[in-house]
Amino acid sequence: MSTDYSGTRPRSNRPPRKKRVLLWISILVLFVLAIVGAKFSYRWLKAQRAQQFAEQGDSLSAQGKTNEAADKYRAALQLDPLGYRGLQGAAKLASKLGQNEDVDLWEQVAKLPQATTQDRQEYADALLRRGRIKASEKTISDLLKSDPDAATLALASRYSQRTGDNAKAIEFSRLATNRAPNDDLLRFQFADVLAASTDSAHHAEARKILWDLAAKEGPAQRAAIEALARAPELSNDDRTRVVQMFDSLQSASVLDSLLAADLRLQLRPEEAAQIYDQTIARWNRGETTELVDLARWLNLHQQPERVLSLFPDERAFNDNQLLLSRLDALASLQRWSDIDSLLGHPGLTLDPSVLESFRARAAQERNSNLDAEMHWSHALSLAGGDPFKLRFVANFAEQSHANGVALKAYDQLGKFPEHADFAFRATQLLSTRAGDLPTQRAAAEKTASHARDDPNAAAQLAYVNLLAGTDVVANAAAATALVEKYPDRLSFRVTAALGYLRQHDPGLALSQFKPAGAPPIEWQKTPPPWRAVYAATLRANEQEDAAKEIIASIPMDKLSPEERALIEQK
């Protein structure tokens, strides 16, 4: 065996160290890419599956299968919580069903990059419908910035109307109808805004639009005829014409029939009994909902005996709305023992808070004050966790002249954020009718605190403070500032005039009612308190005859003691 002494080492078959490192890095990169790709593919597949569920939901919703559609949208959102199609479909369905969740769903849709102008309009519409006026302001303002279409202008009109700025509401609604002159629903909305004005020219314009819509087949025809039927300024010829329009409608509803009957009662009051009997004969075999509407209408027209003859007790126990109508009729007839008998029936399914309210009313009518107080207390306790039950108790207590109970119910209702504004304003109205200025002032303070950006709330607080003579200088300045910002708002001018009266400046008070270029005010159509302030202003300016003419038109029972004091002879 020979030996190689050349000193060279034998060559190895292994790759150099640098190449091995590069190889492992390449393998690692490929592995990471495979993982990322797998995750991306998984997410893509989930998104695709979610979109399929959303499309199935759209199809089911269009067929009216709302429960099945909701299940599909729920499945889509479980797979892809921020998927556009799933969120948008769920939001549309929630709006269609009138569910409160629609606002939150539309908010999520509006945040997505795929959100369209129509989506943002739907979001603003949901906010307005839910009474979240301040929250809708930014969305509507943003929509107005970029060549707004008719739908956006209509939203701006609704927002302005809800904030009490009727002049802007009319302006936006007019622009909307100019953008879409053939849109009957927008024209109907425009007529509604015009009708809310205190200007007789606007009323005439509203009636013209309604007559045009009522004579034209389309989506707004029925609503226009119904609006005309409710209009307060119809002549007998106009009433006859509206009745004929109702008669010509295809498949008239119970509401149409009842409105037509109202007009016939106005035209021929001597035939009232016949009109009632004919209306009953037409609808007494209808569906339960139609029977409920008929019974409520008869109760409204003080026809309790006819309500009791519509259906027996047995049928009333099958539907709580029918039972409530029957109880209302018995209350009108002062048949409290019959009410007690109904309330003790074993088959009763009325909500306990409703039961306790009726028991309280029955005890109250029998002058059993301790029993009435106990039942009212139970009704409030039972309704305390449900805002809609609280609304019933408050409204029923008002109808029963139990104002203290109603105020307590509204106070509890005010603790629910979405109902707070309604509760505070209802408290103000009730305390105004009761002549209770301290309660009215407390409600105004709560409303202003709750709705800090609402000029109406600020004006109302200034008004009640000025009525009470509290912080006159500061509240008069607040009212004047509101007039400067909203010169077309008569309610603000009334408050400013009261401020000047409290500061013994009758000339400036009178100037609030005669701004340059403003149309004349139809005082007969204004609230009694406004007329009282105006009459006091005229009297302070030594226009006694004009003051007496206004005072003669004021129903004194609609004024608080402080408002009556404004127009008393010194």
Protein backbone atom coordinates (compact mmCIF):
# COMPACT_ATOMS: atom_id res chain seq x y z
CA MET A 1 0.00 0.00 0.00
CA SER A 2 1.44 3.28 -1.04
CA THR A 3 0.98 6.49 0.87
CA ASP A 4 0.16 9.91 -0.67
CA TYR A 5 2.39 12.51 0.97
CA SER A 6 1.31 15.40 -1.26
CA GLY A 7 -0.29 17.26 1.74
CA THR A 8 -3.65 17.88 0.04
CA ARG A 9 -6.95 17.02 1.90
CA PRO A 10 -9.56 14.89 0.12
CA ARG A 11 -12.61 16.88 -1.35
CA SER A 12 -15.91 16.65 0.57
CA ASN A 13 -19.33 16.17 -1.14
CA ARG A 14 -21.13 18.48 1.41
CA PRO A 15 -22.10 22.01 0.20
CA PRO A 16 -20.26 24.95 1.65
CA ARG A 17 -21.65 26.48 4.88
CA LYS A 18 -22.94 29.64 3.08
CA LYS A 19 -24.95 27.60 0.61
CA ARG A 20 -26.48 25.56 3.44
CA VAL A 21 -27.63 28.75 5.18
CA LEU A 22 -29.20 30.06 2.00
CA LEU A 23 -30.94 26.76 1.45
CA TRP A 24 -32.46 26.79 4.95
CA ILE A 25 -33.55 30.40 4.56
CA SER A 26 -35.26 29.55 1.28
CA ILE A 27 -37.03 26.62 2.89
CA LEU A 28 -38.13 28.83 5.82
CA VAL A 29 -39.43 31.55 3.46
CA LEU A 30 -41.36 29.00 1.47
CA PHE A 31 -42.79 27.60 4.71
CA VAL A 32 -43.88 31.07 5.91
CA LEU A 33 -45.35 31.86 2.51
CA ALA A 34 -47.24 28.60 2.60
CA ILE A 35 -48.67 29.46 6.04
CA VAL A 36 -49.57 33.01 4.98
CA GLY A 37 -51.06 31.72 1.77
CA ALA A 38 -53.07 29.14 3.65
CA LYS A 39 -54.38 31.79 6.05
CA PHE A 40 -55.16 34.13 3.18
CA SER A 41 -56.91 31.35 1.31
CA TYR A 42 -58.85 30.41 4.44
CA ARG A 43 -59.95 34.01 5.00
CA TRP A 44 -60.82 34.39 1.33
CA LEU A 45 -62.87 31.22 1.43
CA LYS A 46 -64.62 32.44 4.62
CA ALA A 47 -65.36 35.81 3.00
CA GLN A 48 -66.70 34.08 -0.11
CA ARG A 49 -68.88 31.80 1.98
CA ALA A 50 -70.08 34.79 4.02
CA GLN A 51 -71.01 36.60 0.82
CA GLN A 52 -72.97 33.56 -0.34
CA PHE A 53 -74.91 33.59 2.93
CA ALA A 54 -75.55 37.33 2.54
CA GLU A 55 -76.83 36.87 -1.02
CA GLN A 56 -79.15 34.10 0.20
CA GLY A 57 -80.34 36.49 2.92
CA ASP A 58 -81.08 39.16 0.31
CA SER A 59 -83.14 36.69 -1.69
CA LEU A 60 -85.09 35.49 1.35
CA SER A 61 -85.73 39.05 2.52
CA ALA A 62 -87.11 39.97 -0.91
CA GLN A 63 -89.51 37.01 -0.58
CA GLY A 64 -90.70 38.25 2.81
CA LYS A 65 -89.06 35.34 4.67
CA THR A 66 -87.56 37.58 7.34
CA ASN A 67 -86.66 34.94 9.94
CA GLU A 68 -84.80 32.81 7.40
CA ALA A 69 -83.08 35.93 6.02
CA ALA A 70 -81.98 36.93 9.53
CA ASP A 71 -80.41 33.48 10.03
CA LYS A 72 -78.43 33.83 6.79
CA TYR A 73 -77.16 37.29 7.69
CA ARG A 74 -76.22 36.02 11.15
CA ALA A 75 -74.23 33.19 9.58
CA ALA A 76 -72.53 35.65 7.20
CA LEU A 77 -71.46 37.93 10.07
CA GLN A 78 -70.16 35.00 12.12
CA LEU A 79 -67.83 34.13 9.26
CA ASP A 80 -66.94 37.71 8.36
CA PRO A 81 -67.97 40.22 11.09
CA LEU A 82 -66.93 43.23 8.98
CA GLY A 83 -68.14 41.92 5.64
CA TYR A 84 -69.91 44.63 3.68
CA ARG A 85 -72.66 42.49 2.17
CA GLY A 86 -73.55 40.81 5.46
CA LEU A 87 -73.63 44.07 7.44
CA GLN A 88 -75.57 45.94 4.77
CA GLY A 89 -78.14 43.15 4.38
CA ALA A 90 -78.62 42.83 8.14
CA ALA A 91 -78.99 46.61 8.46
CA LYS A 92 -81.61 46.75 5.70
CA LEU A 93 -83.57 43.91 7.30
CA ALA A 94 -83.43 45.54 10.75
CA SER A 95 -84.72 48.81 9.27
CA LYS A 96 -87.46 46.94 7.40
CA LEU A 97 -88.58 45.28 10.65
CA GLY A 98 -88.29 48.49 12.68
CA GLN A 99 -85.68 47.06 15.05
CA ASN A 100 -83.47 49.35 17.14
CA GLU A 101 -80.35 47.45 16.07
CA ASP A 102 -80.54 49.04 12.62
CA VAL A 103 -78.69 52.17 13.84
CA ASP A 104 -75.66 50.20 15.09
CA LEU A 105 -75.56 48.07 11.95
CA TRP A 106 -75.75 51.07 9.61
CA GLU A 107 -73.02 52.77 11.64
CA GLN A 108 -70.71 49.82 10.96
CA VAL A 109 -71.67 49.84 7.27
CA ALA A 110 -70.94 53.57 6.99
CA LYS A 111 -67.41 53.05 8.35
CA LEU A 112 -66.47 50.56 5.64
CA PRO A 113 -64.56 51.73 2.54
CA GLN A 114 -67.23 50.11 0.34
CA ALA A 115 -69.99 52.26 1.88
CA THR A 116 -72.01 54.18 -0.70
CA THR A 117 -73.85 57.48 -0.49
CA GLN A 118 -77.08 55.53 -0.19
CA ASP A 119 -75.67 53.59 2.77
CA ARG A 120 -74.84 56.84 4.56
CA GLN A 121 -78.31 58.15 3.76
CA GLU A 122 -79.80 54.99 5.28
CA TYR A 123 -77.66 55.57 8.40
CA ALA A 124 -78.86 59.17 8.74
CA ASP A 125 -82.46 58.05 8.17
CA ALA A 126 -82.16 55.44 10.94
CA LEU A 127 -80.73 58.03 13.34
CA LEU A 128 -83.62 60.42 12.63
CA ARG A 129 -86.21 57.67 13.05
CA ARG A 130 -84.70 56.72 16.41
CA GLY A 131 -84.73 60.32 17.61
CA ARG A 132 -80.93 60.62 17.67
CA ILE A 133 -81.03 64.05 16.11
CA LYS A 134 -77.64 65.34 17.21
CA ALA A 135 -75.90 62.16 16.07
CA SER A 136 -77.42 62.55 12.59
CA GLU A 137 -76.06 66.07 12.13
CA LYS A 138 -72.50 65.15 11.08
CA THR A 139 -73.59 62.47 8.60
CA ILE A 140 -76.12 64.78 6.97
CA SER A 141 -73.63 67.68 6.90
CA ASP A 142 -71.06 65.47 5.17
CA LEU A 143 -73.65 64.33 2.62
CA LEU A 144 -74.56 67.95 1.86
CA LYS A 145 -70.96 68.86 1.01
CA SER A 146 -70.77 67.04 -2.32
CA ASP A 147 -73.53 67.91 -4.78
CA PRO A 148 -76.40 66.51 -2.67
CA ASP A 149 -79.12 64.57 -4.42
CA ALA A 150 -82.84 64.79 -3.66
CA ALA A 151 -82.67 62.08 -0.98
CA THR A 152 -79.97 63.96 0.94
CA LEU A 153 -81.89 67.23 0.70
CA ALA A 154 -84.99 65.45 2.02
CA LEU A 155 -82.97 64.18 4.98
CA ALA A 156 -81.71 67.71 5.65
CA SER A 157 -85.32 68.91 5.59
CA ARG A 158 -86.37 66.27 8.13
CA TYR A 159 -83.40 67.17 10.35
CA SER A 160 -84.29 70.87 10.23
CA GLN A 161 -87.93 70.08 11.01
CA ARG A 162 -86.92 67.95 14.02
CA THR A 163 -84.73 70.76 15.35
CA GLY A 164 -87.59 73.24 14.95
CA ASP A 165 -86.12 75.24 12.06
CA ASN A 166 -89.14 75.17 9.77
CA ALA A 167 -87.76 77.83 7.41
CA LYS A 168 -84.75 75.65 6.58
CA ALA A 169 -86.94 72.57 6.43
CA ILE A 170 -89.04 74.25 3.74
CA GLU A 171 -85.94 75.44 1.86
CA PHE A 172 -84.34 71.97 1.77
CA SER A 173 -87.63 70.26 0.88
CA ARG A 174 -88.25 72.71 -1.96
CA LEU A 175 -84.75 72.01 -3.33
CA ALA A 176 -85.40 68.27 -3.07
CA THR A 177 -88.60 68.49 -5.11
CA ASN A 178 -86.85 70.70 -7.67
CA ARG A 179 -84.20 67.98 -8.06
CA ALA A 180 -86.83 65.25 -8.42
CA PRO A 181 -90.06 66.92 -9.60
CA ASN A 182 -91.72 63.60 -10.46
CA ASP A 183 -91.11 61.99 -7.08
CA ASP A 184 -94.57 61.99 -5.48
CA LEU A 185 -93.31 60.91 -2.06
CA LEU A 186 -90.91 63.86 -1.91
CA ARG A 187 -93.71 66.19 -2.94
CA PHE A 188 -95.89 64.77 -0.17
CA GLN A 189 -93.09 65.39 2.34
CA PHE A 190 -92.82 68.96 1.03
CA ALA A 191 -96.55 69.48 1.58
CA ASP A 192 -96.20 68.15 5.12
CA VAL A 193 -93.41 70.63 5.88
CA LEU A 194 -95.38 73.52 4.39
CA ALA A 195 -98.43 72.58 6.47
CA ALA A 196 -96.37 72.92 9.67
CA SER A 197 -95.68 76.60 8.89
CA THR A 198 -97.65 79.46 10.46
CA ASP A 199 -97.77 81.24 7.08
CA SER A 200 -101.14 81.02 5.30
CA ALA A 201 -99.38 81.19 1.92
CA HIS A 202 -97.49 78.02 2.81
CA HIS A 203 -100.76 76.35 3.84
CA ALA A 204 -102.30 77.20 0.48
CA GLU A 205 -99.25 75.80 -1.34
CA ALA A 206 -99.46 72.60 0.73
CA ARG A 207 -103.14 72.12 -0.11
CA LYS A 208 -102.44 72.62 -3.83
CA ILE A 209 -99.76 69.90 -3.76
CA LEU A 210 -102.04 67.54 -1.85
CA TRP A 211 -104.95 68.05 -4.26
CA ASP A 212 -102.60 67.34 -7.18
CA LEU A 213 -101.30 64.14 -5.55
CA ALA A 214 -104.78 63.02 -4.49
CA ALA A 215 -106.03 63.22 -8.07
CA LYS A 216 -103.10 61.22 -9.45
CA GLU A 217 -102.58 57.47 -9.19
CA GLY A 218 -99.28 56.84 -7.52
CA PRO A 219 -97.48 55.95 -4.26
CA ALA A 220 -98.60 59.14 -2.50
CA GLN A 221 -102.25 59.23 -3.61
CA ARG A 222 -103.78 57.52 -0.58
CA ALA A 223 -101.60 59.44 1.88
CA ALA A 224 -102.54 62.73 0.19
CA ILE A 225 -106.27 61.98 0.43
CA GLU A 226 -105.87 61.04 4.09
CA ALA A 227 -103.92 64.26 4.76
CA LEU A 228 -106.65 66.32 3.11
CA ALA A 229 -109.27 64.54 5.25
CA ARG A 230 -107.39 65.68 8.37
CA ALA A 231 -106.86 69.26 7.15
CA PRO A 232 -108.54 71.81 9.43
CA GLU A 233 -109.44 74.36 6.73
CA LEU A 234 -111.65 72.39 4.34
CA SER A 235 -114.89 73.83 3.03
CA ASN A 236 -117.98 71.60 2.77
CA ASP A 237 -117.40 71.31 -0.97
CA ASP A 238 -113.84 70.15 -0.30
CA ARG A 239 -115.07 67.63 2.27
CA THR A 240 -117.53 66.23 -0.26
CA ARG A 241 -114.77 65.98 -2.84
CA VAL A 242 -112.49 64.09 -0.43
CA VAL A 243 -115.31 61.66 0.47
CA GLN A 244 -115.75 60.95 -3.24
CA MET A 245 -112.01 60.32 -3.54
CA PHE A 246 -112.17 57.80 -0.68
CA ASP A 247 -115.11 56.08 -2.37
CA SER A 248 -113.14 55.77 -5.61
CA LEU A 249 -110.10 54.12 -3.98
CA GLN A 250 -109.50 50.48 -4.76
CA SER A 251 -109.57 48.25 -1.65
CA ALA A 252 -110.18 51.02 0.86
CA SER A 253 -108.74 50.32 4.31
CA VAL A 254 -110.55 50.68 7.61
CA LEU A 255 -108.59 53.91 8.20
CA ASP A 256 -109.88 55.34 4.91
CA SER A 257 -113.42 54.38 5.83
CA LEU A 258 -113.17 55.98 9.28
CA LEU A 259 -111.72 59.21 7.88
CA ALA A 260 -114.52 59.34 5.30
CA ALA A 261 -117.05 58.77 8.09
CA ASP A 262 -115.54 61.69 10.02
CA LEU A 263 -116.11 63.93 7.00
CA ARG A 264 -119.69 62.67 6.60
CA LEU A 265 -120.33 63.48 10.27
CA GLN A 266 -119.11 67.03 9.66
CA LEU A 267 -121.24 67.38 6.54
CA ARG A 268 -124.41 65.78 7.97
CA PRO A 269 -124.31 65.80 11.79
CA GLU A 270 -128.06 65.14 11.91
CA GLU A 271 -127.39 61.70 10.35
CA ALA A 272 -124.77 60.71 12.94
CA ALA A 273 -126.58 57.58 14.14
CA GLN A 274 -126.98 56.30 10.60
CA ILE A 275 -123.33 57.02 9.77
CA TYR A 276 -122.15 55.14 12.87
CA ASP A 277 -124.36 52.15 12.06
CA GLN A 278 -123.26 52.02 8.41
CA THR A 279 -119.59 52.15 9.40
CA ILE A 280 -120.08 49.40 11.96
CA ALA A 281 -121.96 47.22 9.47
CA ARG A 282 -119.07 47.53 7.02
CA TRP A 283 -116.29 46.54 9.42
CA ASN A 284 -117.73 44.55 12.33
CA ARG A 285 -116.87 41.26 10.59
CA GLY A 286 -113.34 42.35 9.70
CA GLU A 287 -109.99 41.17 11.00
CA THR A 288 -109.17 41.77 14.65
CA THR A 289 -106.90 44.72 13.83
CA GLU A 290 -109.74 46.35 11.87
CA LEU A 291 -112.14 45.75 14.74
CA VAL A 292 -109.67 47.37 17.14
CA ASP A 293 -109.44 50.48 14.92
CA LEU A 294 -113.25 50.64 14.69
CA ALA A 295 -113.66 50.31 18.47
CA ARG A 296 -111.08 53.02 19.16
CA TRP A 297 -112.82 55.33 16.67
CA LEU A 298 -116.20 54.77 18.32
CA ASN A 299 -114.71 55.43 21.77
CA LEU A 300 -113.18 58.64 20.42
CA HIS A 301 -116.64 59.69 19.23
CA GLN A 302 -118.18 58.92 22.63
CA GLN A 303 -120.08 55.84 21.44
CA PRO A 304 -119.29 53.37 24.25
CA GLU A 305 -122.57 51.45 23.95
CA ARG A 306 -121.80 50.71 20.29
CA VAL A 307 -118.33 49.50 21.29
CA LEU A 308 -119.82 47.05 23.80
CA SER A 309 -122.17 45.69 21.16
CA LEU A 310 -119.34 45.08 18.66
CA PHE A 311 -117.98 41.93 20.27
CA PRO A 312 -118.66 39.80 23.37
CA ASP A 313 -116.39 39.49 26.39
CA GLU A 314 -115.17 36.11 25.17
CA ARG A 315 -113.67 37.59 22.02
CA ALA A 316 -112.15 40.47 23.99
CA PHE A 317 -110.20 37.98 26.10
CA ASN A 318 -108.58 36.65 22.92
CA ASP A 319 -107.00 40.01 22.08
CA ASN A 320 -105.70 42.52 24.60
CA GLN A 321 -106.29 45.51 22.31
CA LEU A 322 -109.97 44.59 22.03
CA LEU A 323 -110.09 44.16 25.79
CA LEU A 324 -108.57 47.62 26.33
CA SER A 325 -111.18 49.14 24.00
CA ARG A 326 -113.92 47.40 25.99
CA LEU A 327 -112.47 48.65 29.27
CA ASP A 328 -112.31 52.20 27.86
CA ALA A 329 -115.99 51.98 26.87
CA LEU A 330 -116.98 50.74 30.32
CA ALA A 331 -114.97 53.54 31.93
CA SER A 332 -116.83 56.11 29.79
CA LEU A 333 -120.10 54.66 31.13
CA GLN A 334 -118.78 54.70 34.72
CA ARG A 335 -119.41 50.95 35.01
CA TRP A 336 -116.63 50.31 37.52
CA SER A 337 -118.11 47.10 38.95
CA ASP A 338 -118.10 45.62 35.42
CA ILE A 339 -114.47 46.70 35.05
CA ASP A 340 -113.59 44.99 38.34
CA SER A 341 -115.32 41.84 37.09
CA LEU A 342 -113.31 41.87 33.83
CA LEU A 343 -110.05 42.50 35.66
CA GLY A 344 -110.69 39.49 37.87
CA HIS A 345 -111.30 37.10 34.97
CA PRO A 346 -108.99 34.02 35.14
CA GLY A 347 -108.25 34.16 31.40
CA LEU A 348 -106.84 37.69 31.54
CA THR A 349 -103.44 38.12 29.86
CA LEU A 350 -103.03 41.89 30.12
CA ASP A 351 -99.64 43.11 31.28
CA PRO A 352 -99.67 43.55 35.09
CA SER A 353 -98.78 47.25 34.82
CA VAL A 354 -101.84 47.80 32.60
CA LEU A 355 -104.03 45.84 35.02
CA GLU A 356 -102.84 47.89 37.97
CA SER A 357 -103.46 51.12 36.04
CA PHE A 358 -107.09 50.17 35.42
CA ARG A 359 -107.53 49.05 39.03
CA ALA A 360 -106.15 52.41 40.14
CA ARG A 361 -108.56 54.27 37.86
CA ALA A 362 -111.51 52.21 39.14
CA ALA A 363 -110.55 52.88 42.77
CA GLN A 364 -110.02 56.56 41.99
CA GLU A 365 -113.51 56.85 40.49
CA ARG A 366 -115.00 55.26 43.61
CA ASN A 367 -113.11 57.84 45.73
CA SER A 368 -111.03 55.07 47.30
CA ASN A 369 -107.92 57.24 47.35
CA LEU A 370 -105.72 54.90 49.38
CA ASP A 371 -106.51 51.96 47.08
CA ALA A 372 -105.91 54.13 44.01
CA GLU A 373 -102.55 55.27 45.35
CA MET A 374 -101.52 51.68 46.08
CA HIS A 375 -102.47 50.47 42.57
CA TRP A 376 -100.75 53.43 40.87
CA SER A 377 -97.62 52.66 42.90
CA HIS A 378 -97.76 49.02 41.80
CA ALA A 379 -98.25 50.06 38.16
CA LEU A 380 -95.17 52.29 38.29
CA SER A 381 -93.11 49.58 39.94
CA LEU A 382 -94.16 46.92 37.43
CA ALA A 383 -93.48 49.20 34.44
CA GLY A 384 -90.20 50.58 35.76
CA GLY A 385 -87.88 48.47 33.60
CA ASP A 386 -89.75 48.91 30.31
CA PRO A 387 -89.96 52.35 28.66
CA PHE A 388 -93.01 51.43 26.58
CA LYS A 389 -94.93 50.25 29.64
CA LEU A 390 -93.97 53.49 31.37
CA ARG A 391 -95.36 55.43 28.42
CA PHE A 392 -98.67 53.59 28.78
CA VAL A 393 -98.88 54.25 32.53
CA ALA A 394 -98.00 57.93 32.04
CA ASN A 395 -100.56 58.41 29.26
CA PHE A 396 -103.28 56.49 31.13
CA ALA A 397 -102.59 58.47 34.31
CA GLU A 398 -102.90 61.72 32.35
CA GLN A 399 -106.24 60.58 30.92
CA SER A 400 -107.31 59.67 34.46
CA HIS A 401 -106.33 63.15 35.75
CA ALA A 402 -103.71 61.57 38.00
CA ASN A 403 -101.07 64.12 37.03
CA GLY A 404 -98.75 63.33 39.92
CA VAL A 405 -98.55 59.70 38.81
CA ALA A 406 -97.96 60.72 35.20
CA LEU A 407 -95.10 63.00 36.25
CA LYS A 408 -93.49 60.15 38.20
CA ALA A 409 -93.81 57.86 35.18
CA TYR A 410 -92.20 60.46 32.92
CA ASP A 411 -89.42 60.94 35.46
CA GLN A 412 -88.65 57.20 35.34
CA LEU A 413 -88.92 57.24 31.54
CA GLY A 414 -86.32 60.03 31.39
CA LYS A 415 -83.69 57.59 32.70
CA PHE A 416 -83.76 55.74 29.37
CA PRO A 417 -81.49 57.74 26.99
CA GLU A 418 -83.55 57.11 23.84
CA HIS A 419 -86.76 58.21 25.59
CA ALA A 420 -85.36 61.04 27.72
CA ASP A 421 -86.17 63.85 25.28
CA PHE A 422 -89.79 62.66 24.90
CA ALA A 423 -90.15 62.29 28.70
CA PHE A 424 -88.85 65.77 29.47
CA ARG A 425 -91.03 67.44 26.86
CA ALA A 426 -94.08 65.48 28.02
CA THR A 427 -93.35 66.64 31.57
CA GLN A 428 -93.19 70.23 30.35
CA LEU A 429 -96.53 69.95 28.55
CA LEU A 430 -98.22 68.29 31.51
CA SER A 431 -96.84 70.76 34.03
CA THR A 432 -97.90 73.62 31.75
CA ARG A 433 -101.46 72.29 31.61
CA ALA A 434 -101.44 71.82 35.36
CA GLY A 435 -100.10 75.35 35.90
CA ASP A 436 -97.12 73.96 37.80
CA LEU A 437 -94.25 76.29 36.93
CA PRO A 438 -91.62 74.74 39.27
CA THR A 439 -92.16 71.30 37.68
CA GLN A 440 -92.17 72.85 34.21
CA ARG A 441 -88.90 74.62 34.98
CA ALA A 442 -87.29 71.44 36.35
CA ALA A 443 -88.28 69.60 33.16
CA ALA A 444 -86.91 72.40 31.00
CA GLU A 445 -83.60 72.27 32.87
CA LYS A 446 -83.38 68.50 32.36
CA THR A 447 -84.20 68.83 28.66
CA ALA A 448 -81.61 71.57 28.13
CA SER A 449 -79.01 69.49 29.98
CA HIS A 450 -79.86 66.40 27.94
CA ALA A 451 -79.93 68.22 24.58
CA ARG A 452 -77.25 70.86 24.96
CA ASP A 453 -77.18 71.68 21.26
CA ASP A 454 -80.95 71.92 20.79
CA PRO A 455 -81.99 75.59 20.44
CA ASN A 456 -85.60 74.69 21.25
CA ALA A 457 -84.57 73.31 24.64
CA ALA A 458 -82.52 76.44 25.36
CA ALA A 459 -85.43 78.69 24.35
CA GLN A 460 -87.91 76.78 26.51
CA LEU A 461 -85.64 77.05 29.55
CA ALA A 462 -85.22 80.78 28.97
CA TYR A 463 -89.00 81.16 28.61
CA VAL A 464 -89.92 79.44 31.89
CA ASN A 465 -87.16 81.29 33.73
CA LEU A 466 -88.43 84.60 32.37
CA LEU A 467 -92.00 83.66 33.34
CA ALA A 468 -90.75 83.02 36.87
CA GLY A 469 -88.67 86.24 36.83
CA THR A 470 -85.47 84.24 37.44
CA ASP A 471 -82.09 85.56 36.19
CA VAL A 472 -83.91 87.95 33.87
CA VAL A 473 -80.85 89.62 32.34
CA ALA A 474 -79.05 86.34 31.52
CA ASN A 475 -82.16 84.62 30.15
CA ALA A 476 -83.22 87.67 28.12
CA ALA A 477 -79.72 87.75 26.60
CA ALA A 478 -79.97 84.03 25.76
CA ALA A 479 -83.32 84.59 24.03
CA THR A 480 -81.98 87.56 22.06
CA ALA A 481 -78.98 85.50 20.92
CA LEU A 482 -81.31 82.76 19.68
CA VAL A 483 -83.34 85.32 17.68
CA GLU A 484 -80.15 86.62 16.06
CA LYS A 485 -79.17 83.09 15.06
CA TYR A 486 -82.68 81.97 14.03
CA PRO A 487 -84.51 85.13 12.90
CA ASP A 488 -87.46 83.21 11.38
CA ARG A 489 -88.46 81.39 14.57
CA LEU A 490 -91.53 83.06 16.08
CA SER A 491 -91.28 81.01 19.28
CA PHE A 492 -87.82 82.49 19.93
CA ARG A 493 -89.14 86.01 19.26
CA VAL A 494 -91.92 85.45 21.80
CA THR A 495 -89.31 84.53 24.42
CA ALA A 496 -87.16 87.55 23.53
CA ALA A 497 -90.23 89.82 23.77
CA LEU A 498 -90.95 88.42 27.24
CA GLY A 499 -87.35 89.18 28.18
CA TYR A 500 -87.72 92.80 27.10
CA LEU A 501 -91.02 93.08 28.99
CA ARG A 502 -89.33 91.80 32.15
CA GLN A 503 -86.68 94.49 31.63
CA HIS A 504 -89.38 97.15 31.16
CA ASP A 505 -88.56 97.87 27.51
CA PRO A 506 -91.94 97.58 25.71
CA GLY A 507 -90.66 99.14 22.48
CA LEU A 508 -88.04 96.45 21.88
CA ALA A 509 -90.57 93.82 22.95
CA LEU A 510 -92.98 94.97 20.24
CA SER A 511 -90.22 95.04 17.62
CA GLN A 512 -89.87 91.26 18.00
CA PHE A 513 -93.27 90.80 16.37
CA LYS A 514 -92.69 93.10 13.41
CA PRO A 515 -89.34 92.17 11.82
CA ALA A 516 -88.65 93.74 8.43
CA GLY A 517 -89.89 91.68 5.49
CA ALA A 518 -91.66 89.07 7.64
CA PRO A 519 -95.20 87.97 6.65
CA PRO A 520 -98.06 88.97 8.96
CA ILE A 521 -98.67 86.59 11.86
CA GLU A 522 -101.98 84.71 12.00
CA TRP A 523 -102.39 84.94 15.75
CA GLN A 524 -105.52 82.77 15.84
CA LYS A 525 -103.36 79.79 14.82
CA THR A 526 -100.61 80.33 17.39
CA PRO A 527 -100.40 78.70 20.85
CA PRO A 528 -102.30 80.59 23.60
CA PRO A 529 -99.11 81.45 25.59
CA TRP A 530 -97.64 83.21 22.54
CA ARG A 531 -100.81 85.28 22.23
CA ALA A 532 -100.60 86.16 25.91
CA VAL A 533 -97.07 87.53 25.53
CA TYR A 534 -98.11 89.47 22.42
CA ALA A 535 -101.18 90.91 24.14
CA ALA A 536 -99.07 91.92 27.14
CA THR A 537 -96.64 93.61 24.74
CA LEU A 538 -99.46 95.52 23.02
CA ARG A 539 -100.84 96.61 26.38
CA ALA A 540 -97.39 97.76 27.53
CA ASN A 541 -97.23 99.88 24.35
CA GLU A 542 -100.65 101.42 25.15
CA GLN A 543 -102.41 99.61 22.29
CA GLU A 544 -105.32 98.58 24.48
CA ASP A 545 -107.90 97.85 21.77
CA ALA A 546 -105.53 95.57 19.86
CA ALA A 547 -104.56 93.85 23.12
CA LYS A 548 -108.22 93.20 24.03
CA GLU A 549 -108.86 91.71 20.58
CA ILE A 550 -106.01 89.20 21.05
CA ILE A 551 -107.03 88.44 24.65
CA ALA A 552 -110.57 87.65 23.52
CA SER A 553 -109.17 84.84 21.35
CA ILE A 554 -107.20 83.17 24.17
CA PRO A 555 -108.69 80.17 26.03
CA MET A 556 -107.66 81.10 29.57
CA ASP A 557 -107.61 77.48 30.75
CA LYS A 558 -104.66 76.93 28.38
CA LEU A 559 -102.51 79.47 30.25
CA SER A 560 -100.45 79.03 33.40
CA PRO A 561 -101.11 81.43 36.32
CA GLU A 562 -97.95 83.33 35.37
CA GLU A 563 -99.10 83.70 31.75
CA ARG A 564 -102.54 84.86 32.86
CA ALA A 565 -100.84 87.42 35.10
CA LEU A 566 -99.14 88.91 32.03
CA ILE A 567 -102.47 90.06 30.56
CA GLU A 568 -104.34 90.98 33.72
CA GLN A 569 -105.27 94.63 34.07
CA LYS A 570 -102.84 96.37 36.41
